[in-house]
Amino acid sequence: MTGRFDINMDARGVARLTVAHDAKLNTLNPALLDAAIAALRDLAKQPGLRVAVFTGEGERAFIGGADIGAMAALETPAEAEAFIRRVHGICAAIRDLPVPVIARINGWCLGAGLEVAAACDMRIAVRDAKFGMPEVRVGIPSVVEAALLPGLIGWGRTRRLLLLAETITAADALAWGLLEEVAPRDAIDARLEEWLAHVLAAGPEAIRAQKALIRQWEDRPISEAIAAGIDAFAASWQTDEPKRMMRSFLAEQKARKKQR
């Protein structure tokens, strides 16, 4: 059994993305990776998409890593490259979604799973979640989107996580900056709904523009990043969204003043 990658989008434009392979701690094998990459690329084309939530099936794991059995069967450097390009592919497809992607981390988050979480825009986890990058213990380095970790937790903690292959708690991950929030298991979805409400209250085009701009900030020098922001601001007026939402804001502000 290779597992499934499920996508369900509701009427609000909230897409729920689920790695459904609970029997194997939602580990990622080649067939599952290929299915996820294709599904995510199709999702990116959906005009009604507003925000996505990425999680793992069940309550044991977000993603327990890449399938070690599949990796142990690799025979050549070319086969190894093809496998790791698939891991990069799912992370890149997440980062390329034009809307915010929130990682709902419901348990173990290891190796490739932590790379997937890092590729998301924000991360919320249950209190008993565990995090680690254990690759060096099975004879390989941590690669691809592990390169995002220094921007989240700094170089020293990245070295500690990758070179010592420690497992850390959700509390540690929060303190390090890897997570934005930790919640009790029975409260994580309610808190997540609050996050979704904030995104859905914003202008759809503004949210897409903001995500695209943040991606540019990651890759460009400061002077170029600022210039890109000026272009993005001006481009906002290609639709009526700024005028419409600003007028609504001013009307609400005026109404509140009258009520005082």
Protein backbone atom coordinates (compact mmCIF):
# COMPACT_ATOMS: atom_id res chain seq x y z
CA MET A 1 0.00 0.00 0.00
CA THR A 2 1.47 3.33 -1.09
CA GLY A 3 -1.03 5.67 0.56
CA ARG A 4 -3.00 8.56 -0.92
CA PHE A 5 -2.75 12.30 -1.16
CA ASP A 6 -6.20 13.79 -0.56
CA ILE A 7 -7.36 17.31 -1.41
CA ASN A 8 -10.75 18.63 -0.34
CA MET A 9 -11.73 22.27 -0.93
CA ASP A 10 -14.77 23.80 0.75
CA ALA A 11 -17.05 26.59 -0.45
CA ARG A 12 -14.87 29.20 1.23
CA GLY A 13 -11.84 28.21 -0.85
CA VAL A 14 -10.11 26.43 2.05
CA ALA A 15 -8.24 23.37 0.74
CA ARG A 16 -7.43 20.53 3.15
CA LEU A 17 -4.34 18.63 1.98
CA THR A 18 -3.76 15.27 3.67
CA VAL A 19 -0.99 12.72 3.36
CA ALA A 20 -3.08 9.61 3.94
CA HIS A 21 -0.66 6.84 4.88
CA ASP A 22 -1.24 6.50 8.62
CA ALA A 23 -0.27 2.82 8.65
CA LYS A 24 3.29 3.92 7.80
CA LEU A 25 3.30 7.16 9.84
CA ASN A 26 2.50 9.05 6.61
CA THR A 27 5.98 8.38 5.25
CA LEU A 28 6.60 9.50 1.68
CA ASN A 29 7.33 6.90 -1.00
CA PRO A 30 7.85 7.62 -4.72
CA ALA A 31 4.26 6.88 -5.78
CA LEU A 32 2.83 9.05 -3.00
CA LEU A 33 5.25 11.86 -3.80
CA ASP A 34 4.32 11.77 -7.49
CA ALA A 35 0.62 11.86 -6.65
CA ALA A 36 1.08 14.79 -4.27
CA ILE A 37 3.15 16.82 -6.71
CA ALA A 38 0.60 16.38 -9.51
CA ALA A 39 -2.33 17.19 -7.21
CA LEU A 40 -0.67 20.31 -5.81
CA ARG A 41 0.18 21.61 -9.27
CA ASP A 42 -3.45 21.17 -10.31
CA LEU A 43 -4.65 22.88 -7.13
CA ALA A 44 -2.47 25.91 -7.86
CA LYS A 45 -4.58 26.55 -10.98
CA GLN A 46 -7.88 26.74 -9.07
CA PRO A 47 -9.06 30.38 -9.10
CA GLY A 48 -11.28 29.92 -6.05
CA LEU A 49 -8.44 28.78 -3.81
CA ARG A 50 -7.95 31.10 -0.82
CA VAL A 51 -5.82 29.16 1.70
CA ALA A 52 -4.57 25.60 2.25
CA VAL A 53 -4.07 23.45 5.34
CA PHE A 54 -1.51 20.64 5.07
CA THR A 55 -1.64 17.73 7.52
CA GLY A 56 -1.16 14.00 7.97
CA GLU A 57 -3.78 11.30 8.40
CA GLY A 58 -4.55 10.13 11.93
CA GLU A 59 -3.08 11.39 15.18
CA ARG A 60 0.37 9.78 15.18
CA ALA A 61 2.29 11.69 12.54
CA PHE A 62 2.33 14.73 10.30
CA ILE A 63 4.92 13.03 8.07
CA GLY A 64 7.31 10.51 9.55
CA GLY A 65 9.91 11.19 6.86
CA ALA A 66 10.80 9.63 3.52
CA ASP A 67 10.25 5.90 3.19
CA ILE A 68 13.51 4.28 4.37
CA GLY A 69 12.62 1.02 2.66
CA ALA A 70 12.32 2.84 -0.66
CA MET A 71 15.63 4.62 -0.09
CA ALA A 72 17.41 1.42 0.95
CA ALA A 73 16.40 -0.09 -2.40
CA LEU A 74 18.14 2.66 -4.39
CA GLU A 75 21.13 1.28 -6.28
CA THR A 76 22.84 4.19 -8.04
CA PRO A 77 23.47 7.92 -7.62
CA ALA A 78 21.04 8.53 -10.50
CA GLU A 79 18.28 6.65 -8.69
CA ALA A 80 19.07 8.56 -5.49
CA GLU A 81 18.88 11.86 -7.36
CA ALA A 82 15.52 10.93 -8.87
CA PHE A 83 14.16 10.11 -5.41
CA ILE A 84 15.34 13.29 -3.71
CA ARG A 85 14.08 15.40 -6.60
CA ARG A 86 10.63 14.04 -5.77
CA VAL A 87 11.03 15.20 -2.15
CA HIS A 88 12.07 18.62 -3.42
CA GLY A 89 9.13 18.49 -5.83
CA ILE A 90 6.48 18.26 -3.12
CA CYS A 91 8.14 21.07 -1.16
CA ALA A 92 8.43 23.26 -4.26
CA ALA A 93 4.80 22.60 -5.17
CA ILE A 94 3.75 23.75 -1.69
CA ARG A 95 5.86 26.89 -1.94
CA ASP A 96 4.49 27.55 -5.43
CA LEU A 97 0.85 27.51 -4.31
CA PRO A 98 -0.27 31.13 -4.75
CA VAL A 99 -2.01 31.26 -1.36
CA PRO A 100 -0.88 30.73 2.26
CA VAL A 101 -0.26 27.12 3.27
CA ILE A 102 -0.57 26.29 6.98
CA ALA A 103 1.06 23.15 8.32
CA ARG A 104 -1.21 21.45 10.88
CA ILE A 105 1.35 19.26 12.65
CA ASN A 106 -0.47 16.48 14.44
CA GLY A 107 2.39 14.24 15.60
CA TRP A 108 5.83 13.09 14.45
CA CYS A 109 7.47 15.47 11.98
CA LEU A 110 10.75 13.98 10.84
CA GLY A 111 13.20 14.37 7.96
CA ALA A 112 11.29 15.00 4.75
CA GLY A 113 8.27 15.79 6.92
CA LEU A 114 10.12 18.65 8.55
CA GLU A 115 11.20 19.86 5.11
CA VAL A 116 7.54 19.87 4.04
CA ALA A 117 6.61 21.78 7.20
CA ALA A 118 9.39 24.31 6.52
CA ALA A 119 8.04 24.78 2.99
CA CYS A 120 4.67 25.84 4.40
CA ASP A 121 4.05 29.50 5.21
CA MET A 122 3.04 28.97 8.85
CA ARG A 123 3.09 26.07 11.29
CA ILE A 124 0.86 25.12 14.22
CA ALA A 125 1.42 21.90 16.17
CA VAL A 126 -0.14 19.80 18.90
CA ARG A 127 1.72 19.88 22.21
CA ASP A 128 2.97 16.31 21.95
CA ALA A 129 4.39 16.68 18.43
CA LYS A 130 8.05 15.75 17.97
CA PHE A 131 10.53 17.10 15.44
CA GLY A 132 13.84 15.86 14.08
CA MET A 133 16.20 15.53 11.14
CA PRO A 134 17.67 12.04 11.65
CA GLU A 135 19.15 11.54 8.17
CA VAL A 136 22.81 11.34 9.24
CA ARG A 137 21.90 8.34 11.41
CA VAL A 138 20.98 6.39 8.27
CA GLY A 139 23.99 7.50 6.25
CA ILE A 140 22.68 10.49 4.29
CA PRO A 141 22.75 14.26 4.76
CA SER A 142 19.64 16.38 5.23
CA VAL A 143 19.12 18.22 1.95
CA VAL A 144 16.67 20.08 -0.31
CA GLU A 145 14.27 22.23 1.75
CA ALA A 146 16.31 21.69 4.90
CA ALA A 147 18.04 24.75 3.42
CA LEU A 148 15.04 26.78 4.65
CA LEU A 149 15.78 25.98 8.29
CA PRO A 150 18.48 28.62 8.93
CA GLY A 151 15.99 31.31 7.99
CA LEU A 152 13.55 29.93 10.55
CA ILE A 153 15.74 28.87 13.47
CA GLY A 154 19.22 30.29 12.77
CA TRP A 155 22.45 28.60 11.78
CA GLY A 156 23.45 27.29 15.22
CA ARG A 157 20.17 25.51 15.87
CA THR A 158 20.12 24.21 12.30
CA ARG A 159 23.55 22.68 12.86
CA ARG A 160 22.41 21.20 16.15
CA LEU A 161 19.30 19.68 14.56
CA LEU A 162 21.11 18.26 11.51
CA LEU A 163 24.48 17.26 12.96
CA LEU A 164 23.31 15.85 16.30
CA ALA A 165 20.11 14.39 14.81
CA GLU A 166 18.28 15.24 18.05
CA THR A 167 14.54 14.95 18.47
CA ILE A 168 13.00 18.10 19.93
CA THR A 169 9.60 18.80 21.48
CA ALA A 170 6.93 21.16 20.23
CA ALA A 171 7.83 23.51 23.08
CA ASP A 172 11.45 23.58 21.88
CA ALA A 173 10.33 24.07 18.27
CA LEU A 174 8.16 27.02 19.33
CA ALA A 175 10.98 28.61 21.32
CA TRP A 176 13.38 28.14 18.40
CA GLY A 177 11.02 29.81 15.91
CA LEU A 178 10.21 26.68 13.94
CA LEU A 179 6.55 26.94 14.96
CA GLU A 180 4.21 29.92 15.16
CA GLU A 181 1.96 28.27 17.75
CA VAL A 182 1.42 25.15 19.86
CA ALA A 183 -2.07 24.07 20.91
CA PRO A 184 -3.69 21.24 22.85
CA ARG A 185 -4.79 18.42 20.56
CA ASP A 186 -8.47 19.10 21.28
CA ALA A 187 -8.05 22.82 20.51
CA ILE A 188 -5.78 22.88 17.46
CA ASP A 189 -8.60 22.92 14.91
CA ALA A 190 -10.46 25.73 16.66
CA ARG A 191 -7.28 27.79 16.72
CA LEU A 192 -6.63 26.93 13.09
CA GLU A 193 -10.11 28.20 12.18
CA GLU A 194 -9.20 31.54 13.75
CA TRP A 195 -6.14 31.73 11.51
CA LEU A 196 -8.25 30.84 8.47
CA ALA A 197 -10.77 33.56 9.36
CA HIS A 198 -7.98 36.15 9.31
CA VAL A 199 -6.84 35.05 5.85
CA LEU A 200 -10.39 34.89 4.49
CA ALA A 201 -11.13 38.40 5.78
CA ALA A 202 -8.28 39.82 3.70
CA GLY A 203 -8.41 40.71 0.03
CA PRO A 204 -7.87 37.57 -2.07
CA GLU A 205 -5.64 39.37 -4.56
CA ALA A 206 -3.75 41.13 -1.76
CA ILE A 207 -3.02 37.80 -0.05
CA ARG A 208 -1.71 36.29 -3.28
CA ALA A 209 0.42 39.36 -3.95
CA GLN A 210 1.78 39.29 -0.41
CA LYS A 211 2.80 35.63 -0.62
CA ALA A 212 4.50 36.20 -3.98
CA LEU A 213 6.34 39.21 -2.57
CA ILE A 214 7.53 37.32 0.52
CA ARG A 215 8.98 34.67 -1.80
CA GLN A 216 10.91 37.41 -3.60
CA TRP A 217 12.16 38.82 -0.29
CA GLU A 218 13.64 35.41 0.50
CA ASP A 219 15.69 35.35 -2.68
CA ARG A 220 16.66 38.97 -3.35
CA PRO A 221 19.01 41.53 -1.78
CA ILE A 222 17.26 44.18 0.34
CA SER A 223 17.39 46.91 -2.31
CA GLU A 224 15.80 44.62 -4.92
CA ALA A 225 13.23 43.36 -2.41
CA ILE A 226 12.12 46.94 -1.66
CA ALA A 227 11.86 47.72 -5.37
CA ALA A 228 9.78 44.60 -5.89
CA GLY A 229 7.44 45.83 -3.16
CA ILE A 230 6.89 49.13 -4.96
CA ASP A 231 5.98 47.25 -8.13
CA ALA A 232 3.61 44.96 -6.20
CA PHE A 233 1.90 47.93 -4.53
CA ALA A 234 1.31 49.67 -7.85
CA ALA A 235 0.08 46.45 -9.45
CA SER A 236 -2.61 46.14 -6.76
CA TRP A 237 -4.56 48.88 -8.53
CA GLN A 238 -4.99 46.71 -11.62
CA THR A 239 -8.17 45.45 -9.91
CA ASP A 240 -10.82 47.25 -7.88
CA GLU A 241 -9.91 45.37 -4.69
CA PRO A 242 -7.97 48.21 -2.96
CA LYS A 243 -10.58 50.90 -3.67
CA ARG A 244 -13.48 48.62 -2.80
CA MET A 245 -12.01 47.37 0.46
CA MET A 246 -10.71 50.78 1.53
CA ARG A 247 -14.09 52.40 0.89
CA SER A 248 -15.74 49.67 2.93
CA PHE A 249 -13.24 50.24 5.74
CA LEU A 250 -13.86 54.01 5.74
CA ALA A 251 -17.63 53.50 5.71
CA GLU A 252 -17.43 51.16 8.70
CA GLN A 253 -15.17 53.61 10.53
CA LYS A 254 -17.64 56.44 9.87
CA ALA A 255 -20.55 54.32 11.12
CA ARG A 256 -18.68 53.49 14.32
CA LYS A 257 -18.01 57.18 15.00
CA LYS A 258 -21.69 57.97 14.64
CA GLN A 259 -22.56 55.33 17.22
CA ARG A 260 -20.32 56.88 19.88
